[in-house]
């Protein structure tokens, strides 16, 4: 029995890039950074960072492009995939990436802004304040959406 399953929680290294395949299917890609912290044998704190390439298809690609931005926290569930190609100089290249099957968006910061469909930030905060509320009240809690689109990816839909 084989299993190819990945769960990864980290922060985006750049805004997602949304593209469309020749058949019209959306695909988004972005980088995700994860940190590992441990103490060495002398008791000193050590830290290392790993960078992961994430690919998201279909409706999830649109959602990722709309709601995620550089620095956003995201939980990705998916599978590892290695693909190869020949570059312009004739060199054979390979890359390993995570193909997301589910994305869970991290919490929004209290005074943060959310990107609009055009990619720009609106002029108002994500949590509107009312003049009648006192300043010590916290923003209303928001459910973190779980995105589950189980469309099968066809090899003809790959843009590379």
N, C-alpha and C. Protein backbone atom coordinates (compact mmCIF):
# COMPACT_ATOMS: atom_id res chain seq x y z
N UNK A 1 0.84 -1.18 0.00
CA UNK A 1 0.00 0.00 0.00
C UNK A 1 0.88 1.24 0.00
N UNK A 2 0.51 2.24 -0.79
CA UNK A 2 1.26 3.49 -0.88
C UNK A 2 0.39 4.65 -0.42
N UNK A 3 1.04 5.70 0.06
CA UNK A 3 0.33 6.89 0.50
C UNK A 3 1.15 8.11 0.14
N UNK A 4 0.54 9.05 -0.55
CA UNK A 4 1.17 10.31 -0.91
C UNK A 4 0.27 11.41 -0.37
N UNK A 5 0.51 11.82 0.88
CA UNK A 5 -0.34 12.80 1.55
C UNK A 5 0.54 13.79 2.28
N UNK A 6 0.24 15.08 2.14
CA UNK A 6 1.03 16.14 2.76
C UNK A 6 0.09 17.07 3.51
N UNK A 7 0.45 17.43 4.73
CA UNK A 7 -0.18 18.50 5.48
C UNK A 7 0.93 19.49 5.79
N UNK A 8 0.72 20.75 5.45
CA UNK A 8 1.76 21.73 5.67
C UNK A 8 1.12 23.05 6.10
N UNK A 9 1.67 23.66 7.12
CA UNK A 9 1.18 24.92 7.66
C UNK A 9 2.32 25.92 7.62
N UNK A 10 2.11 27.02 6.92
CA UNK A 10 3.16 28.01 6.81
C UNK A 10 2.63 29.33 6.29
N UNK A 11 3.56 30.21 5.96
CA UNK A 11 3.22 31.55 5.47
C UNK A 11 3.65 31.70 4.02
N UNK A 12 2.82 32.40 3.25
CA UNK A 12 3.11 32.62 1.84
C UNK A 12 4.33 33.52 1.68
N UNK A 13 5.19 33.17 0.73
CA UNK A 13 6.40 33.97 0.46
C UNK A 13 6.13 35.04 -0.58
N UNK A 14 5.01 34.96 -1.30
CA UNK A 14 4.62 35.94 -2.30
C UNK A 14 3.13 35.79 -2.57
N UNK A 15 2.54 36.79 -3.20
CA UNK A 15 1.13 36.69 -3.58
C UNK A 15 0.96 35.55 -4.59
N UNK A 16 -0.17 34.84 -4.53
CA UNK A 16 -0.42 33.77 -5.51
C UNK A 16 -0.50 34.32 -6.93
N UNK A 17 0.00 33.54 -7.89
CA UNK A 17 -0.08 33.91 -9.30
C UNK A 17 -1.17 33.05 -9.94
N UNK A 18 -2.23 33.70 -10.43
CA UNK A 18 -3.35 33.00 -11.04
C UNK A 18 -3.18 33.01 -12.55
N UNK A 19 -3.31 31.82 -13.18
CA UNK A 19 -3.23 31.67 -14.63
C UNK A 19 -4.39 30.78 -15.07
N UNK A 20 -4.56 30.69 -16.37
CA UNK A 20 -5.56 29.78 -16.95
C UNK A 20 -4.88 28.88 -17.95
N UNK A 21 -5.36 27.64 -18.02
CA UNK A 21 -4.83 26.70 -19.01
C UNK A 21 -5.50 26.99 -20.35
N UNK A 22 -5.05 26.32 -21.39
CA UNK A 22 -5.65 26.46 -22.71
C UNK A 22 -7.11 26.07 -22.73
N UNK A 23 -7.49 25.15 -21.85
CA UNK A 23 -8.89 24.70 -21.78
C UNK A 23 -9.73 25.57 -20.84
N UNK A 24 -9.12 26.59 -20.25
CA UNK A 24 -9.87 27.52 -19.40
C UNK A 24 -9.88 27.20 -17.92
N UNK A 25 -9.17 26.18 -17.49
CA UNK A 25 -9.13 25.84 -16.07
C UNK A 25 -8.12 26.75 -15.35
N UNK A 26 -8.51 27.26 -14.19
CA UNK A 26 -7.64 28.14 -13.41
C UNK A 26 -6.62 27.33 -12.63
N UNK A 27 -5.42 27.89 -12.54
CA UNK A 27 -4.35 27.30 -11.73
C UNK A 27 -3.60 28.44 -11.07
N UNK A 28 -3.34 28.29 -9.77
CA UNK A 28 -2.58 29.28 -9.02
C UNK A 28 -1.36 28.61 -8.43
N UNK A 29 -0.29 29.36 -8.32
CA UNK A 29 0.93 28.83 -7.69
C UNK A 29 1.48 29.89 -6.74
N UNK A 30 2.09 29.41 -5.67
CA UNK A 30 2.71 30.30 -4.70
C UNK A 30 3.71 29.52 -3.87
N UNK A 31 4.56 30.24 -3.19
CA UNK A 31 5.53 29.62 -2.29
C UNK A 31 5.03 29.69 -0.86
N UNK A 32 5.39 28.69 -0.07
CA UNK A 32 5.02 28.63 1.34
C UNK A 32 6.27 28.33 2.14
N UNK A 33 6.50 29.07 3.20
CA UNK A 33 7.67 28.86 4.05
C UNK A 33 7.24 28.24 5.37
N UNK A 34 8.00 27.24 5.81
CA UNK A 34 7.77 26.63 7.12
C UNK A 34 9.05 26.72 7.93
N UNK A 35 8.91 26.91 9.23
CA UNK A 35 10.06 27.02 10.13
C UNK A 35 10.12 25.81 11.04
N UNK A 36 11.33 25.42 11.37
CA UNK A 36 11.56 24.34 12.33
C UNK A 36 12.48 24.91 13.41
N UNK A 37 12.09 24.74 14.67
CA UNK A 37 12.87 25.26 15.79
C UNK A 37 13.21 24.10 16.71
N UNK A 38 14.46 24.02 17.14
CA UNK A 38 14.90 22.97 18.05
C UNK A 38 16.09 23.48 18.86
N UNK A 39 16.44 22.74 19.90
CA UNK A 39 17.61 23.05 20.70
C UNK A 39 18.70 22.04 20.36
N UNK A 40 19.91 22.54 20.13
CA UNK A 40 21.02 21.63 19.83
C UNK A 40 21.53 20.99 21.11
N UNK A 41 22.57 20.18 21.00
CA UNK A 41 23.05 19.43 22.18
C UNK A 41 23.59 20.34 23.28
N UNK A 42 23.96 21.60 22.91
CA UNK A 42 24.43 22.57 23.90
C UNK A 42 23.28 23.38 24.49
N UNK A 43 22.07 23.10 24.07
CA UNK A 43 20.90 23.80 24.58
C UNK A 43 20.61 25.12 23.87
N UNK A 44 21.35 25.39 22.80
CA UNK A 44 21.12 26.64 22.07
C UNK A 44 19.98 26.44 21.07
N UNK A 45 19.17 27.46 20.97
CA UNK A 45 18.02 27.42 20.05
C UNK A 45 18.51 27.53 18.61
N UNK A 46 18.03 26.61 17.78
CA UNK A 46 18.36 26.58 16.36
C UNK A 46 17.08 26.74 15.56
N UNK A 47 17.18 27.29 14.36
CA UNK A 47 16.01 27.46 13.52
C UNK A 47 16.41 27.29 12.06
N UNK A 48 15.54 26.62 11.30
CA UNK A 48 15.76 26.50 9.86
C UNK A 48 14.44 26.71 9.15
N UNK A 49 14.51 27.19 7.93
CA UNK A 49 13.32 27.47 7.14
C UNK A 49 13.37 26.63 5.87
N UNK A 50 12.23 26.05 5.53
CA UNK A 50 12.08 25.30 4.28
C UNK A 50 11.08 26.04 3.40
N UNK A 51 11.31 26.01 2.11
CA UNK A 51 10.44 26.67 1.15
C UNK A 51 9.79 25.62 0.25
N UNK A 52 8.49 25.73 0.05
CA UNK A 52 7.71 24.75 -0.68
C UNK A 52 6.95 25.43 -1.81
N UNK A 53 6.89 24.78 -2.96
CA UNK A 53 6.10 25.27 -4.09
C UNK A 53 4.73 24.62 -4.03
N UNK A 54 3.67 25.44 -4.09
CA UNK A 54 2.30 24.97 -3.99
C UNK A 54 1.58 25.27 -5.30
N UNK A 55 0.80 24.29 -5.80
CA UNK A 55 -0.02 24.46 -6.99
C UNK A 55 -1.46 24.17 -6.61
N UNK A 56 -2.38 25.04 -7.00
CA UNK A 56 -3.79 24.92 -6.67
C UNK A 56 -4.60 25.02 -7.95
N UNK A 57 -5.60 24.15 -8.11
CA UNK A 57 -6.39 24.10 -9.34
C UNK A 57 -7.83 24.51 -9.12
N UNK A 58 -8.50 24.93 -10.20
CA UNK A 58 -9.94 25.16 -10.22
C UNK A 58 -10.39 26.31 -9.36
N UNK A 59 -11.54 26.10 -8.73
CA UNK A 59 -12.14 27.16 -7.90
C UNK A 59 -11.24 27.51 -6.73
N UNK A 60 -10.53 26.54 -6.19
CA UNK A 60 -9.60 26.82 -5.09
C UNK A 60 -8.51 27.79 -5.52
N UNK A 61 -8.09 27.72 -6.79
CA UNK A 61 -7.08 28.65 -7.29
C UNK A 61 -7.62 30.08 -7.26
N UNK A 62 -8.87 30.26 -7.64
CA UNK A 62 -9.49 31.59 -7.60
C UNK A 62 -9.57 32.10 -6.17
N UNK A 63 -9.98 31.24 -5.25
CA UNK A 63 -10.12 31.62 -3.85
C UNK A 63 -8.76 31.96 -3.26
N UNK A 64 -7.76 31.15 -3.54
CA UNK A 64 -6.41 31.42 -3.04
C UNK A 64 -5.91 32.76 -3.56
N UNK A 65 -6.14 33.02 -4.83
CA UNK A 65 -5.72 34.29 -5.44
C UNK A 65 -6.43 35.48 -4.81
N UNK A 66 -7.68 35.30 -4.44
CA UNK A 66 -8.48 36.39 -3.90
C UNK A 66 -8.18 36.66 -2.43
N UNK A 67 -8.00 35.61 -1.62
CA UNK A 67 -7.92 35.79 -0.18
C UNK A 67 -6.53 35.64 0.42
N UNK A 68 -5.59 35.06 -0.30
CA UNK A 68 -4.25 34.90 0.26
C UNK A 68 -3.31 35.98 -0.29
N UNK A 69 -2.37 36.38 0.52
CA UNK A 69 -1.38 37.36 0.12
C UNK A 69 -0.07 37.02 0.81
N UNK A 70 0.99 37.65 0.39
CA UNK A 70 2.30 37.42 1.00
C UNK A 70 2.19 37.59 2.52
N UNK A 71 2.70 36.61 3.26
CA UNK A 71 2.65 36.65 4.72
C UNK A 71 1.44 35.97 5.32
N UNK A 72 0.43 35.64 4.51
CA UNK A 72 -0.78 34.97 5.02
C UNK A 72 -0.44 33.58 5.52
N UNK A 73 -1.13 33.17 6.57
CA UNK A 73 -1.00 31.83 7.10
C UNK A 73 -1.98 30.91 6.39
N UNK A 74 -1.52 29.74 5.96
CA UNK A 74 -2.39 28.80 5.25
C UNK A 74 -2.01 27.37 5.61
N UNK A 75 -3.05 26.53 5.74
CA UNK A 75 -2.87 25.10 5.94
C UNK A 75 -3.20 24.43 4.62
N UNK A 76 -2.25 23.67 4.09
CA UNK A 76 -2.42 23.00 2.80
C UNK A 76 -2.46 21.50 3.02
N UNK A 77 -3.44 20.86 2.43
CA UNK A 77 -3.51 19.40 2.40
C UNK A 77 -3.43 18.99 0.94
N UNK A 78 -2.52 18.09 0.62
CA UNK A 78 -2.40 17.70 -0.77
C UNK A 78 -1.46 16.53 -0.96
N UNK A 79 -0.83 16.51 -2.12
CA UNK A 79 0.09 15.41 -2.46
C UNK A 79 1.34 15.98 -3.11
N UNK A 80 2.43 15.24 -3.00
CA UNK A 80 3.69 15.62 -3.62
C UNK A 80 3.68 15.19 -5.07
N UNK A 81 4.26 16.02 -5.93
CA UNK A 81 4.34 15.68 -7.35
C UNK A 81 5.67 16.20 -7.88
N UNK A 82 6.37 15.37 -8.61
CA UNK A 82 7.61 15.77 -9.28
C UNK A 82 7.36 15.75 -10.77
N UNK A 83 7.75 16.82 -11.42
CA UNK A 83 7.58 16.89 -12.87
C UNK A 83 8.88 17.35 -13.50
N UNK A 84 9.07 16.98 -14.75
CA UNK A 84 10.29 17.34 -15.46
C UNK A 84 9.98 18.03 -16.78
N UNK A 85 10.94 18.80 -17.28
CA UNK A 85 10.82 19.49 -18.55
C UNK A 85 12.22 19.81 -19.05
N UNK A 86 12.29 20.23 -20.29
CA UNK A 86 13.56 20.66 -20.87
C UNK A 86 13.50 22.17 -21.05
N UNK A 87 14.50 22.89 -20.51
CA UNK A 87 14.49 24.35 -20.59
C UNK A 87 14.96 24.84 -21.95
N UNK A 88 15.03 26.15 -22.12
CA UNK A 88 15.40 26.76 -23.40
C UNK A 88 16.82 26.41 -23.85
N UNK A 89 17.69 26.09 -22.90
CA UNK A 89 19.08 25.72 -23.23
C UNK A 89 19.24 24.23 -23.45
N UNK A 90 18.16 23.48 -23.44
CA UNK A 90 18.22 22.04 -23.65
C UNK A 90 18.53 21.24 -22.40
N UNK A 91 18.60 21.89 -21.25
CA UNK A 91 18.89 21.21 -19.98
C UNK A 91 17.62 20.55 -19.45
N UNK A 92 17.76 19.33 -18.96
CA UNK A 92 16.62 18.66 -18.33
C UNK A 92 16.47 19.20 -16.91
N UNK A 93 15.27 19.61 -16.56
CA UNK A 93 14.98 20.18 -15.25
C UNK A 93 13.90 19.36 -14.57
N UNK A 94 13.91 19.40 -13.23
CA UNK A 94 12.89 18.72 -12.43
C UNK A 94 12.53 19.62 -11.26
N UNK A 95 11.29 19.53 -10.84
CA UNK A 95 10.86 20.25 -9.65
C UNK A 95 9.85 19.39 -8.90
N UNK A 96 9.87 19.53 -7.59
CA UNK A 96 8.90 18.83 -6.76
C UNK A 96 8.02 19.89 -6.13
N UNK A 97 6.72 19.67 -6.18
CA UNK A 97 5.77 20.65 -5.66
C UNK A 97 4.64 19.92 -4.94
N UNK A 98 3.86 20.68 -4.21
CA UNK A 98 2.70 20.14 -3.52
C UNK A 98 1.47 20.57 -4.30
N UNK A 99 0.68 19.61 -4.75
CA UNK A 99 -0.58 19.89 -5.42
C UNK A 99 -1.65 19.90 -4.34
N UNK A 100 -2.22 21.07 -4.09
CA UNK A 100 -3.19 21.24 -3.00
C UNK A 100 -4.52 20.60 -3.37
N UNK A 101 -5.06 19.84 -2.44
CA UNK A 101 -6.39 19.28 -2.57
C UNK A 101 -7.38 20.04 -1.70
N UNK A 102 -6.90 20.57 -0.57
CA UNK A 102 -7.70 21.41 0.33
C UNK A 102 -6.81 22.53 0.84
N UNK A 103 -7.43 23.69 1.02
CA UNK A 103 -6.73 24.83 1.61
C UNK A 103 -7.58 25.36 2.75
N UNK A 104 -6.94 25.61 3.87
CA UNK A 104 -7.63 26.27 4.97
C UNK A 104 -6.92 27.59 5.21
N UNK A 105 -7.66 28.67 5.09
CA UNK A 105 -7.10 30.00 5.25
C UNK A 105 -6.84 30.29 6.71
N UNK A 106 -5.75 30.97 7.00
CA UNK A 106 -5.43 31.33 8.37
C UNK A 106 -6.25 32.51 8.82
N UNK A 107 -6.14 32.87 10.09
CA UNK A 107 -6.92 33.99 10.62
C UNK A 107 -6.46 35.31 10.03
N UNK A 108 -7.39 36.23 9.92
CA UNK A 108 -7.05 37.58 9.49
C UNK A 108 -6.59 38.37 10.70
N UNK A 109 -5.69 39.31 10.48
CA UNK A 109 -5.27 40.17 11.58
C UNK A 109 -6.37 41.17 11.86
N UNK A 110 -6.45 41.68 13.08
CA UNK A 110 -7.53 42.55 13.51
C UNK A 110 -7.72 43.78 12.67
N UNK A 111 -6.66 44.46 12.27
CA UNK A 111 -6.81 45.69 11.50
C UNK A 111 -6.37 45.52 10.08
N UNK A 112 -6.19 44.29 9.64
CA UNK A 112 -5.68 44.03 8.30
C UNK A 112 -6.68 44.33 7.22
N UNK A 113 -6.21 44.31 6.01
CA UNK A 113 -7.07 44.53 4.87
C UNK A 113 -7.07 43.29 4.00
N UNK A 114 -8.12 43.14 3.26
CA UNK A 114 -8.27 41.99 2.37
C UNK A 114 -8.20 42.49 0.95
N UNK A 115 -7.55 41.73 0.07
CA UNK A 115 -7.48 42.11 -1.33
C UNK A 115 -8.85 42.01 -1.96
N UNK A 116 -9.13 42.91 -2.89
CA UNK A 116 -10.37 42.83 -3.65
C UNK A 116 -10.13 41.97 -4.87
N UNK A 117 -11.17 41.76 -5.66
CA UNK A 117 -11.05 40.92 -6.85
C UNK A 117 -10.01 41.48 -7.82
N UNK A 118 -9.80 42.80 -7.81
CA UNK A 118 -8.80 43.40 -8.70
C UNK A 118 -7.39 43.27 -8.16
N UNK A 119 -7.25 42.78 -6.92
CA UNK A 119 -5.93 42.59 -6.33
C UNK A 119 -5.49 43.75 -5.47
N UNK A 120 -6.24 44.86 -5.46
CA UNK A 120 -5.85 45.99 -4.65
C UNK A 120 -6.56 45.92 -3.31
N UNK A 121 -6.00 46.60 -2.33
CA UNK A 121 -6.58 46.59 -1.00
C UNK A 121 -7.64 47.68 -0.90
N UNK A 122 -8.79 47.39 -0.30
CA UNK A 122 -9.81 48.41 -0.14
C UNK A 122 -9.36 49.46 0.87
N UNK A 123 -10.02 50.59 0.89
CA UNK A 123 -9.62 51.68 1.78
C UNK A 123 -10.13 51.49 3.20
N UNK A 124 -10.95 50.49 3.44
CA UNK A 124 -11.49 50.27 4.78
C UNK A 124 -10.89 49.00 5.37
N UNK A 125 -10.83 48.91 6.71
CA UNK A 125 -10.29 47.70 7.34
C UNK A 125 -11.20 46.51 7.14
N UNK A 126 -10.65 45.31 7.33
CA UNK A 126 -11.41 44.07 7.17
C UNK A 126 -12.54 43.99 8.20
N UNK A 127 -12.36 44.58 9.38
CA UNK A 127 -13.38 44.60 10.42
C UNK A 127 -13.84 46.04 10.58
N UNK A 128 -15.01 46.41 10.05
CA UNK A 128 -15.47 47.79 10.19
C UNK A 128 -15.76 48.12 11.64
N UNK A 129 -15.41 49.31 12.04
CA UNK A 129 -15.69 49.73 13.41
C UNK A 129 -16.91 50.63 13.42
N UNK A 130 -17.68 50.56 14.48
CA UNK A 130 -18.86 51.40 14.65
C UNK A 130 -18.52 52.47 15.66
N UNK A 131 -19.01 53.66 15.42
CA UNK A 131 -18.74 54.76 16.34
C UNK A 131 -19.31 54.50 17.71
N UNK A 132 -20.36 53.70 17.80
CA UNK A 132 -21.01 53.45 19.09
C UNK A 132 -20.28 52.40 19.91
N UNK A 133 -19.40 51.63 19.29
CA UNK A 133 -18.67 50.61 20.04
C UNK A 133 -17.47 51.24 20.74
N UNK A 134 -17.13 50.68 21.90
CA UNK A 134 -15.94 51.21 22.55
C UNK A 134 -14.69 50.61 21.91
N UNK A 135 -13.56 51.25 22.12
CA UNK A 135 -12.32 50.86 21.44
C UNK A 135 -11.77 49.54 21.95
N UNK A 136 -12.19 49.09 23.13
CA UNK A 136 -11.63 47.86 23.68
C UNK A 136 -12.32 46.59 23.17
N UNK A 137 -13.42 46.73 22.41
CA UNK A 137 -14.10 45.53 21.92
C UNK A 137 -13.28 44.88 20.82
N UNK A 138 -13.31 43.56 20.78
CA UNK A 138 -12.54 42.83 19.77
C UNK A 138 -13.39 42.63 18.54
N UNK A 139 -12.75 42.40 17.39
CA UNK A 139 -13.52 42.18 16.17
C UNK A 139 -14.34 40.90 16.26
N UNK A 140 -15.43 40.83 15.51
CA UNK A 140 -16.26 39.63 15.58
C UNK A 140 -15.50 38.42 15.06
N UNK A 141 -15.69 37.25 15.67
CA UNK A 141 -14.98 36.06 15.19
C UNK A 141 -15.51 35.67 13.81
N UNK A 142 -14.60 35.13 13.00
CA UNK A 142 -14.98 34.70 11.66
C UNK A 142 -14.62 33.25 11.50
N UNK A 143 -15.50 32.51 10.83
CA UNK A 143 -15.21 31.13 10.53
C UNK A 143 -14.13 31.07 9.47
N UNK A 144 -13.20 30.16 9.62
CA UNK A 144 -12.17 29.96 8.62
C UNK A 144 -12.71 28.96 7.62
N UNK A 145 -12.85 29.39 6.36
CA UNK A 145 -13.46 28.48 5.38
C UNK A 145 -12.53 27.32 5.04
N UNK A 146 -13.11 26.16 4.87
CA UNK A 146 -12.39 24.99 4.39
C UNK A 146 -12.80 24.80 2.94
N UNK A 147 -11.84 24.74 2.07
CA UNK A 147 -12.11 24.66 0.65
C UNK A 147 -11.85 23.23 0.20
N UNK A 148 -12.85 22.60 -0.38
CA UNK A 148 -12.70 21.23 -0.84
C UNK A 148 -13.32 21.12 -2.22
N UNK A 149 -12.46 21.11 -3.21
CA UNK A 149 -12.91 20.93 -4.58
C UNK A 149 -12.22 19.66 -5.07
N UNK A 150 -12.99 18.67 -5.43
CA UNK A 150 -12.40 17.39 -5.78
C UNK A 150 -12.48 17.13 -7.28
N UNK A 151 -12.20 18.17 -8.08
CA UNK A 151 -12.15 17.98 -9.53
C UNK A 151 -10.86 17.24 -9.88
N UNK A 152 -10.98 16.28 -10.74
CA UNK A 152 -9.80 15.52 -11.18
C UNK A 152 -9.04 16.37 -12.20
N UNK A 153 -7.74 16.43 -12.08
CA UNK A 153 -6.89 17.19 -12.99
C UNK A 153 -6.51 16.30 -14.16
N UNK A 154 -6.73 16.79 -15.35
CA UNK A 154 -6.40 16.06 -16.56
C UNK A 154 -5.03 16.51 -17.06
N UNK A 155 -4.20 15.61 -17.59
CA UNK A 155 -2.88 16.00 -18.10
C UNK A 155 -2.95 17.08 -19.18
N UNK A 156 -4.02 17.11 -19.95
CA UNK A 156 -4.15 18.14 -21.00
C UNK A 156 -4.35 19.53 -20.41
N UNK A 157 -4.75 19.63 -19.12
CA UNK A 157 -4.99 20.91 -18.49
C UNK A 157 -3.70 21.54 -17.94
N UNK A 158 -2.61 20.78 -17.88
CA UNK A 158 -1.36 21.30 -17.34
C UNK A 158 -0.75 22.32 -18.29
N UNK A 159 -0.38 23.51 -17.78
CA UNK A 159 0.15 24.55 -18.65
C UNK A 159 1.63 24.37 -18.95
N UNK A 160 2.26 23.34 -18.42
CA UNK A 160 3.70 23.18 -18.61
C UNK A 160 4.02 21.82 -19.18
